[in-house]
Structure formats: structure tokens, C-alpha cells
Amino acid sequence: MSKRMREPEAAEYLGVTPKTLQFWRWKKRGPRYMKLANRVYYNATDLDAYEKSRWVGTKDQPVEVDAV
């Protein structure tokens, strides 16, 4: 099972601010999250999957379908 993180920890993991995560949630974007008792949690596997999905391929190095 993946490690569950609170918002500040998840933000640091991704290299963004907690405000950025809040904005993404408000816009219905960003990594998957869970709300439990008015608290927001993220799983490391979901953060990794989100980060991996953000790669942009180039002509010289296309993004492989299996990599996403």
C-alpha cells in the first residue's frame, strides 16, 4: 500500500506549494486525492502517476504510451 500524505507533505513531494494543490483541487485538476473528515490526503503512487503524466514528448524523444 502506498504512503498516505497530508497536503503540506504532498506539496513538498511534488515541489509545489500547498496553495498550488488547493488551486488544482478547486479547478478539478492535479493529482487524485481523498477527503476524510475534512482533511485532504494524497497517496505517493497517485502523486508519482500525476507527475509521470505531465511529461511532454518531443520529436527526438516521444513519450512512450507504456510509460504513462
C-alpha atoms as a PDB file:
ATOM      1  CA  MET A   1       0.000   0.000   0.000  1.00  0.00           C
ATOM      2  CA  SER A   2       1.177   3.483  -0.829  1.00  0.00           C
ATOM      3  CA  LYS A   3       2.048   6.029   1.825  1.00  0.00           C
ATOM      4  CA  ARG A   4      -0.755   8.486   2.611  1.00  0.00           C
ATOM      5  CA  MET A   5       0.342  12.120   2.913  1.00  0.00           C
ATOM      6  CA  ARG A   6      -1.266  15.305   4.117  1.00  0.00           C
ATOM      7  CA  GLU A   7      -1.318  18.363   1.851  1.00  0.00           C
ATOM      8  CA  PRO A   8       1.946  20.027   3.028  1.00  0.00           C
ATOM      9  CA  GLU A   9       3.868  16.773   2.686  1.00  0.00           C
ATOM     10  CA  ALA A  10       2.374  16.083  -0.763  1.00  0.00           C
ATOM     11  CA  ALA A  11       3.200  19.611  -1.912  1.00  0.00           C
ATOM     12  CA  GLU A  12       6.821  19.199  -0.858  1.00  0.00           C
ATOM     13  CA  TYR A  13       6.935  15.795  -2.577  1.00  0.00           C
ATOM     14  CA  LEU A  14       5.862  17.400  -5.868  1.00  0.00           C
ATOM     15  CA  GLY A  15       7.908  20.574  -5.389  1.00  0.00           C
ATOM     16  CA  VAL A  16       4.893  22.905  -5.334  1.00  0.00           C
ATOM     17  CA  THR A  17       3.200  24.931  -2.606  1.00  0.00           C
ATOM     18  CA  PRO A  18       0.147  23.771  -0.668  1.00  0.00           C
ATOM     19  CA  LYS A  19      -1.710  26.712  -2.266  1.00  0.00           C
ATOM     20  CA  THR A  20      -0.973  25.194  -5.682  1.00  0.00           C
ATOM     21  CA  LEU A  21      -2.549  21.891  -4.618  1.00  0.00           C
ATOM     22  CA  GLN A  22      -5.570  23.806  -3.293  1.00  0.00           C
ATOM     23  CA  PHE A  23      -5.898  25.680  -6.577  1.00  0.00           C
ATOM     24  CA  TRP A  24      -5.667  22.470  -8.583  1.00  0.00           C
ATOM     25  CA  ARG A  25      -8.407  20.875  -6.442  1.00  0.00           C
ATOM     26  CA  TRP A  26     -10.589  23.956  -6.892  1.00  0.00           C
ATOM     27  CA  LYS A  27     -10.087  23.709 -10.693  1.00  0.00           C
ATOM     28  CA  LYS A  28     -10.667  19.897 -10.572  1.00  0.00           C
ATOM     29  CA  ARG A  29      -7.096  19.309 -11.777  1.00  0.00           C
ATOM     30  CA  GLY A  30      -3.943  17.821 -10.403  1.00  0.00           C
ATOM     31  CA  PRO A  31      -3.323  14.500  -8.709  1.00  0.00           C
ATOM     32  CA  ARG A  32      -6.044  12.324  -7.256  1.00  0.00           C
ATOM     33  CA  TYR A  33      -6.804  12.977  -3.596  1.00  0.00           C
ATOM     34  CA  MET A  34      -9.064  11.766  -0.828  1.00  0.00           C
ATOM     35  CA  LYS A  35     -11.070  13.791   1.672  1.00  0.00           C
ATOM     36  CA  LEU A  36     -11.627  12.201   5.033  1.00  0.00           C
ATOM     37  CA  ALA A  37     -13.141  14.118   7.949  1.00  0.00           C
ATOM     38  CA  ASN A  38     -12.455  17.479   6.233  1.00  0.00           C
ATOM     39  CA  ARG A  39      -8.810  16.575   5.717  1.00  0.00           C
ATOM     40  CA  VAL A  40      -7.139  16.074   2.351  1.00  0.00           C
ATOM     41  CA  TYR A  41      -4.831  13.132   1.738  1.00  0.00           C
ATOM     42  CA  TYR A  42      -2.705  12.070  -1.213  1.00  0.00           C
ATOM     43  CA  ASN A  43      -1.071   8.719  -1.993  1.00  0.00           C
ATOM     44  CA  ALA A  44       2.523   8.669  -3.181  1.00  0.00           C
ATOM     45  CA  THR A  45       1.571   6.383  -6.087  1.00  0.00           C
ATOM     46  CA  ASP A  46      -1.034   8.915  -7.257  1.00  0.00           C
ATOM     47  CA  LEU A  47       1.491  11.751  -6.999  1.00  0.00           C
ATOM     48  CA  ASP A  48       4.005   9.703  -8.993  1.00  0.00           C
ATOM     49  CA  ALA A  49       1.371   8.891 -11.639  1.00  0.00           C
ATOM     50  CA  TYR A  50       0.384  12.547 -11.919  1.00  0.00           C
ATOM     51  CA  GLU A  51       3.992  13.647 -12.238  1.00  0.00           C
ATOM     52  CA  LYS A  52       4.647  10.985 -14.879  1.00  0.00           C
ATOM     53  CA  SER A  53       1.572  12.110 -16.853  1.00  0.00           C
ATOM     54  CA  ARG A  54       2.989  15.634 -17.128  1.00  0.00           C
ATOM     55  CA  TRP A  55       5.923  14.601 -19.362  1.00  0.00           C
ATOM     56  CA  VAL A  56       5.742  16.175 -22.795  1.00  0.00           C
ATOM     57  CA  GLY A  57       7.267  14.278 -25.683  1.00  0.00           C
ATOM     58  CA  THR A  58       9.440  15.870 -28.312  1.00  0.00           C
ATOM     59  CA  LYS A  59      10.256  14.888 -31.847  1.00  0.00           C
ATOM     60  CA  ASP A  60      13.566  13.427 -30.665  1.00  0.00           C
ATOM     61  CA  GLN A  61      12.160  11.791 -27.529  1.00  0.00           C
ATOM     62  CA  PRO A  62       8.472  10.951 -27.773  1.00  0.00           C
ATOM     63  CA  VAL A  63       6.611   9.883 -24.662  1.00  0.00           C
ATOM     64  CA  GLU A  64       6.068   6.137 -24.738  1.00  0.00           C
ATOM     65  CA  VAL A  65       2.468   5.017 -24.270  1.00  0.00           C
ATOM     66  CA  ASP A  66       3.503   2.328 -21.768  1.00  0.00           C
ATOM     67  CA  ALA A  67       5.437   4.895 -19.715  1.00  0.00           C
ATOM     68  CA  VAL A  68       2.288   6.832 -18.866  1.00  0.00           C
END
